[in-house]
Amino acid sequence: EIVDGSAYLKTATGVQTSKDNGYVMMDYGSITGLSTSLEVTQTTGGVLEILVYVNGEDVGLRNTIYSPQIGINKDYDKQSKDVINFQPGDVVSVYVKASGDVQWKNVINLVKIQLEE
């Protein structure tokens, strides 16, 4: 489906997430990366920010696509281990924040985690 504006991403099974409803972590660990590929279908400029939330809070890790172009746009960012930690029961979700006139679809997003040993 084409999204006009901002939205939380759906899970791999197609269920809509939210600020408080997402993937429930089962172990202790940390988020070490974020990668995003998405297709822009219409734009007059603007910015797309892909934000990671843990327990409803923006943790500061994001992909930012400035002046997205029609077609496939991508970005990735790495984060050192133990900067953004989670524990069993914490909820991780991802939000696409659109500024400007941008329509997008077909998001492929990966939140990379490292579990504690």
N, C-alpha and C. Protein backbone atom coordinates (compact mmCIF):
# COMPACT_ATOMS: atom_id res chain seq x y z
N GLU A 1 0.83 -1.19 0.00
CA GLU A 1 0.00 0.00 0.00
C GLU A 1 0.88 1.25 0.00
N ILE A 2 0.40 2.30 -0.58
CA ILE A 2 1.12 3.57 -0.61
C ILE A 2 0.75 4.37 0.63
N VAL A 3 1.77 4.89 1.31
CA VAL A 3 1.57 5.69 2.51
C VAL A 3 1.83 7.15 2.16
N ASP A 4 0.89 8.00 2.49
CA ASP A 4 1.01 9.44 2.25
C ASP A 4 1.27 10.10 3.59
N GLY A 5 2.54 10.33 3.92
CA GLY A 5 2.88 10.94 5.20
C GLY A 5 3.63 9.99 6.10
N SER A 6 3.35 10.07 7.40
CA SER A 6 4.07 9.31 8.42
C SER A 6 3.27 8.08 8.85
N ALA A 7 4.00 7.03 9.29
CA ALA A 7 3.32 5.83 9.76
C ALA A 7 4.30 4.91 10.47
N TYR A 8 3.77 4.09 11.39
CA TYR A 8 4.55 3.01 11.97
C TYR A 8 4.60 1.88 10.95
N LEU A 9 5.71 1.15 10.93
CA LEU A 9 5.85 0.03 10.01
C LEU A 9 5.06 -1.17 10.51
N LYS A 10 4.70 -2.03 9.58
CA LYS A 10 4.04 -3.28 9.92
C LYS A 10 5.09 -4.34 10.21
N THR A 11 4.69 -5.38 10.94
CA THR A 11 5.60 -6.49 11.22
C THR A 11 5.78 -7.31 9.95
N ALA A 12 6.65 -8.29 10.02
CA ALA A 12 6.90 -9.18 8.87
C ALA A 12 5.63 -9.95 8.49
N THR A 13 4.70 -10.10 9.43
CA THR A 13 3.46 -10.81 9.15
C THR A 13 2.32 -9.86 8.75
N GLY A 14 2.63 -8.57 8.61
CA GLY A 14 1.64 -7.61 8.14
C GLY A 14 0.80 -6.95 9.22
N VAL A 15 1.16 -7.12 10.47
CA VAL A 15 0.41 -6.51 11.58
C VAL A 15 0.95 -5.10 11.82
N GLN A 16 0.04 -4.15 11.94
CA GLN A 16 0.42 -2.75 12.19
C GLN A 16 1.00 -2.59 13.59
N THR A 17 2.19 -1.96 13.69
CA THR A 17 2.77 -1.67 14.99
C THR A 17 2.37 -0.26 15.41
N SER A 18 2.79 0.11 16.60
CA SER A 18 2.54 1.45 17.11
C SER A 18 3.69 1.82 18.04
N LYS A 19 3.59 2.98 18.64
CA LYS A 19 4.61 3.43 19.59
C LYS A 19 4.79 2.43 20.73
N ASP A 20 3.70 1.80 21.15
CA ASP A 20 3.74 0.90 22.30
C ASP A 20 3.57 -0.57 21.94
N ASN A 21 3.37 -0.89 20.67
CA ASN A 21 3.13 -2.27 20.26
C ASN A 21 4.07 -2.63 19.12
N GLY A 22 4.98 -3.55 19.39
CA GLY A 22 5.94 -3.96 18.37
C GLY A 22 6.53 -5.30 18.73
N TYR A 23 7.80 -5.48 18.40
CA TYR A 23 8.48 -6.73 18.70
C TYR A 23 8.90 -6.75 20.17
N VAL A 24 8.55 -7.81 20.89
CA VAL A 24 8.89 -7.94 22.30
C VAL A 24 10.21 -8.70 22.39
N MET A 25 11.19 -8.07 23.02
CA MET A 25 12.51 -8.68 23.16
C MET A 25 12.46 -9.80 24.19
N MET A 26 13.20 -10.88 23.94
CA MET A 26 13.19 -12.04 24.82
C MET A 26 14.48 -12.19 25.63
N ASP A 27 15.50 -11.40 25.29
CA ASP A 27 16.80 -11.50 25.95
C ASP A 27 17.33 -10.10 26.23
N TYR A 28 18.43 -10.03 26.97
CA TYR A 28 19.15 -8.79 27.15
C TYR A 28 20.03 -8.56 25.93
N GLY A 29 20.19 -7.30 25.53
CA GLY A 29 21.05 -7.01 24.39
C GLY A 29 21.05 -5.54 24.07
N SER A 30 21.52 -5.22 22.87
CA SER A 30 21.55 -3.83 22.43
C SER A 30 21.28 -3.76 20.93
N ILE A 31 20.79 -2.60 20.52
CA ILE A 31 20.55 -2.34 19.09
C ILE A 31 21.84 -1.79 18.52
N THR A 32 22.32 -2.43 17.45
CA THR A 32 23.62 -2.04 16.87
C THR A 32 23.54 -1.54 15.44
N GLY A 33 22.35 -1.50 14.86
CA GLY A 33 22.26 -0.98 13.50
C GLY A 33 20.83 -0.86 13.02
N LEU A 34 20.67 -0.10 11.96
CA LEU A 34 19.37 0.12 11.33
C LEU A 34 19.59 0.31 9.84
N SER A 35 18.88 -0.46 9.03
CA SER A 35 18.97 -0.28 7.58
C SER A 35 17.57 -0.19 7.01
N THR A 36 17.42 0.64 5.99
CA THR A 36 16.11 0.86 5.38
C THR A 36 16.25 1.01 3.88
N SER A 37 15.35 0.35 3.18
CA SER A 37 15.16 0.54 1.75
C SER A 37 13.66 0.76 1.55
N LEU A 38 13.29 1.80 0.84
CA LEU A 38 11.88 2.05 0.58
C LEU A 38 11.72 2.70 -0.78
N GLU A 39 10.53 2.54 -1.34
CA GLU A 39 10.23 3.09 -2.66
C GLU A 39 9.38 4.34 -2.51
N VAL A 40 9.86 5.45 -3.08
CA VAL A 40 9.10 6.69 -3.09
C VAL A 40 8.31 6.75 -4.39
N THR A 41 7.01 6.97 -4.28
CA THR A 41 6.15 7.00 -5.48
C THR A 41 5.81 8.41 -5.91
N GLN A 42 5.90 9.36 -4.98
CA GLN A 42 5.61 10.75 -5.31
C GLN A 42 6.30 11.64 -4.29
N THR A 43 6.89 12.75 -4.75
CA THR A 43 7.54 13.67 -3.82
C THR A 43 7.78 15.02 -4.47
N THR A 44 7.78 16.03 -3.62
CA THR A 44 8.21 17.37 -4.04
C THR A 44 9.35 17.82 -3.14
N GLY A 45 10.04 16.84 -2.56
CA GLY A 45 11.14 17.13 -1.65
C GLY A 45 10.78 16.73 -0.24
N GLY A 46 11.50 17.25 0.71
CA GLY A 46 11.22 16.92 2.10
C GLY A 46 12.25 15.96 2.66
N VAL A 47 11.86 15.31 3.75
CA VAL A 47 12.75 14.40 4.47
C VAL A 47 11.95 13.20 4.96
N LEU A 48 12.55 12.02 4.89
CA LEU A 48 11.99 10.82 5.51
C LEU A 48 12.95 10.41 6.62
N GLU A 49 12.44 10.29 7.84
CA GLU A 49 13.24 9.81 8.96
C GLU A 49 12.64 8.50 9.43
N ILE A 50 13.49 7.49 9.58
CA ILE A 50 13.07 6.20 10.08
C ILE A 50 13.59 6.10 11.50
N LEU A 51 12.69 6.11 12.48
CA LEU A 51 13.03 6.23 13.90
C LEU A 51 12.78 4.92 14.64
N VAL A 52 13.71 4.56 15.53
CA VAL A 52 13.55 3.37 16.36
C VAL A 52 13.01 3.79 17.73
N TYR A 53 11.98 3.08 18.18
CA TYR A 53 11.41 3.31 19.50
C TYR A 53 11.61 2.07 20.36
N VAL A 54 11.96 2.26 21.61
CA VAL A 54 12.01 1.19 22.60
C VAL A 54 11.08 1.61 23.74
N ASN A 55 10.08 0.80 23.98
CA ASN A 55 9.07 1.08 25.02
C ASN A 55 8.43 2.46 24.81
N GLY A 56 8.17 2.80 23.56
CA GLY A 56 7.48 4.05 23.25
C GLY A 56 8.36 5.28 23.24
N GLU A 57 9.67 5.13 23.45
CA GLU A 57 10.58 6.28 23.47
C GLU A 57 11.52 6.24 22.26
N ASP A 58 11.68 7.39 21.62
CA ASP A 58 12.64 7.53 20.54
C ASP A 58 14.04 7.40 21.14
N VAL A 59 14.81 6.41 20.69
CA VAL A 59 16.12 6.15 21.28
C VAL A 59 17.25 6.86 20.53
N GLY A 60 16.92 7.62 19.49
CA GLY A 60 17.93 8.43 18.80
C GLY A 60 18.58 7.77 17.61
N LEU A 61 18.37 6.48 17.39
CA LEU A 61 18.92 5.82 16.20
C LEU A 61 17.93 5.99 15.06
N ARG A 62 18.42 6.51 13.94
CA ARG A 62 17.52 6.78 12.83
C ARG A 62 18.25 6.72 11.50
N ASN A 63 17.50 6.44 10.47
CA ASN A 63 17.95 6.62 9.09
C ASN A 63 17.27 7.88 8.60
N THR A 64 18.01 8.71 7.87
CA THR A 64 17.46 9.95 7.35
C THR A 64 17.71 10.02 5.85
N ILE A 65 16.63 10.22 5.10
CA ILE A 65 16.73 10.36 3.66
C ILE A 65 16.27 11.77 3.30
N TYR A 66 17.23 12.62 2.94
CA TYR A 66 16.94 14.00 2.58
C TYR A 66 16.57 14.09 1.11
N SER A 67 15.58 14.90 0.79
CA SER A 67 15.12 15.09 -0.58
C SER A 67 15.00 13.76 -1.33
N PRO A 68 14.10 12.89 -0.85
CA PRO A 68 13.96 11.57 -1.48
C PRO A 68 13.61 11.70 -2.96
N GLN A 69 14.09 10.76 -3.73
CA GLN A 69 13.85 10.72 -5.17
C GLN A 69 12.80 9.65 -5.48
N ILE A 70 12.09 9.81 -6.60
CA ILE A 70 11.16 8.78 -7.05
C ILE A 70 11.98 7.51 -7.28
N GLY A 71 11.47 6.39 -6.78
CA GLY A 71 12.17 5.12 -6.90
C GLY A 71 12.72 4.67 -5.55
N ILE A 72 13.71 3.80 -5.59
CA ILE A 72 14.26 3.20 -4.37
C ILE A 72 15.22 4.17 -3.69
N ASN A 73 15.03 4.38 -2.41
CA ASN A 73 15.89 5.20 -1.56
C ASN A 73 16.36 4.31 -0.42
N LYS A 74 17.60 4.51 0.04
CA LYS A 74 18.10 3.66 1.12
C LYS A 74 19.06 4.42 2.02
N ASP A 75 19.19 3.91 3.24
CA ASP A 75 20.13 4.46 4.21
C ASP A 75 20.39 3.39 5.26
N TYR A 76 21.53 3.50 5.93
CA TYR A 76 21.84 2.62 7.05
C TYR A 76 22.71 3.36 8.03
N ASP A 77 22.64 2.95 9.28
CA ASP A 77 23.47 3.53 10.33
C ASP A 77 23.84 2.43 11.30
N LYS A 78 25.06 2.51 11.84
CA LYS A 78 25.52 1.58 12.85
C LYS A 78 25.62 2.29 14.19
N GLN A 79 25.53 1.50 15.24
CA GLN A 79 25.60 2.03 16.60
C GLN A 79 26.47 1.09 17.41
N SER A 80 27.32 1.62 18.26
CA SER A 80 28.17 0.78 19.10
C SER A 80 27.34 -0.04 20.07
N LYS A 81 27.84 -1.21 20.39
CA LYS A 81 27.18 -2.08 21.37
C LYS A 81 27.08 -1.35 22.72
N ASP A 82 26.01 -1.60 23.43
CA ASP A 82 25.75 -1.07 24.77
C ASP A 82 25.41 0.41 24.82
N VAL A 83 25.11 1.02 23.69
CA VAL A 83 24.63 2.41 23.70
C VAL A 83 23.11 2.42 23.85
N ILE A 84 22.43 1.58 23.08
CA ILE A 84 20.97 1.45 23.17
C ILE A 84 20.67 0.03 23.63
N ASN A 85 20.44 -0.13 24.91
CA ASN A 85 20.22 -1.45 25.49
C ASN A 85 18.74 -1.77 25.62
N PHE A 86 18.42 -3.06 25.64
CA PHE A 86 17.07 -3.52 25.91
C PHE A 86 17.16 -4.74 26.82
N GLN A 87 16.03 -5.08 27.42
CA GLN A 87 15.96 -6.24 28.29
C GLN A 87 14.70 -7.03 27.95
N PRO A 88 14.58 -8.25 28.47
CA PRO A 88 13.39 -9.04 28.18
C PRO A 88 12.12 -8.26 28.52
N GLY A 89 11.17 -8.29 27.59
CA GLY A 89 9.90 -7.59 27.78
C GLY A 89 9.86 -6.22 27.14
N ASP A 90 11.00 -5.64 26.80
CA ASP A 90 11.00 -4.33 26.12
C ASP A 90 10.42 -4.48 24.71
N VAL A 91 9.76 -3.43 24.25
CA VAL A 91 9.10 -3.44 22.95
C VAL A 91 9.83 -2.51 21.99
N VAL A 92 10.19 -3.04 20.81
CA VAL A 92 10.87 -2.27 19.78
C VAL A 92 9.92 -2.08 18.59
N SER A 93 9.78 -0.83 18.15
CA SER A 93 8.98 -0.53 16.96
C SER A 93 9.70 0.53 16.13
N VAL A 94 9.27 0.67 14.88
CA VAL A 94 9.92 1.59 13.94
C VAL A 94 8.87 2.47 13.29
N TYR A 95 9.17 3.76 13.20
CA TYR A 95 8.26 4.78 12.68
C TYR A 95 8.91 5.52 11.52
N VAL A 96 8.17 5.74 10.46
CA VAL A 96 8.64 6.56 9.35
C VAL A 96 7.97 7.93 9.48
N LYS A 97 8.79 8.95 9.72
CA LYS A 97 8.30 10.32 9.87
C LYS A 97 8.58 11.07 8.57
N ALA A 98 7.52 11.50 7.91
CA ALA A 98 7.66 12.22 6.64
C ALA A 98 7.44 13.70 6.86
N SER A 99 8.38 14.50 6.37
CA SER A 99 8.25 15.95 6.38
C SER A 99 8.22 16.39 4.93
N GLY A 100 7.20 17.12 4.55
CA GLY A 100 7.04 17.51 3.15
C GLY A 100 6.06 16.57 2.47
N ASP A 101 5.94 16.71 1.17
CA ASP A 101 5.00 15.93 0.37
C ASP A 101 5.71 14.69 -0.17
N VAL A 102 5.56 13.56 0.55
CA VAL A 102 6.22 12.33 0.16
C VAL A 102 5.25 11.16 0.31
N GLN A 103 5.12 10.37 -0.75
CA GLN A 103 4.38 9.12 -0.69
C GLN A 103 5.37 7.99 -0.87
N TRP A 104 5.24 6.92 -0.07
CA TRP A 104 6.20 5.83 -0.10
C TRP A 104 5.50 4.49 0.09
N LYS A 105 6.22 3.40 -0.26
CA LYS A 105 5.69 2.05 -0.11
C LYS A 105 6.86 1.06 -0.09
N ASN A 106 6.56 -0.21 0.06
CA ASN A 106 7.53 -1.30 -0.05
C ASN A 106 8.77 -1.10 0.82
N VAL A 107 8.56 -0.92 2.11
CA VAL A 107 9.68 -0.71 3.04
C VAL A 107 10.30 -2.06 3.41
N ILE A 108 11.62 -2.10 3.34
CA ILE A 108 12.38 -3.22 3.87
C ILE A 108 13.27 -2.62 4.95
N ASN A 109 13.04 -3.04 6.19
CA ASN A 109 13.74 -2.43 7.32
C ASN A 109 14.33 -3.52 8.20
N LEU A 110 15.55 -3.30 8.66
CA LEU A 110 16.21 -4.24 9.54
C LEU A 110 16.75 -3.50 10.75
N VAL A 111 16.37 -3.95 11.94
CA VAL A 111 16.94 -3.46 13.18
C VAL A 111 17.90 -4.55 13.64
N LYS A 112 19.19 -4.23 13.62
CA LYS A 112 20.22 -5.21 14.00
C LYS A 112 20.42 -5.17 15.52
N ILE A 113 20.42 -6.35 16.13
CA ILE A 113 20.62 -6.43 17.56
C ILE A 113 21.80 -7.34 17.86
N GLN A 114 22.38 -7.12 19.02
CA GLN A 114 23.42 -8.01 19.53
C GLN A 114 22.99 -8.45 20.92
N LEU A 115 22.87 -9.74 21.12
CA LEU A 115 22.45 -10.27 22.41
C LEU A 115 23.63 -10.38 23.35
N GLU A 116 23.36 -10.21 24.64
CA GLU A 116 24.40 -10.39 25.64
C GLU A 116 24.72 -11.87 25.75
N GLU A 117 25.96 -12.17 25.99
CA GLU A 117 26.37 -13.58 26.11
C GLU A 117 26.51 -13.97 27.56
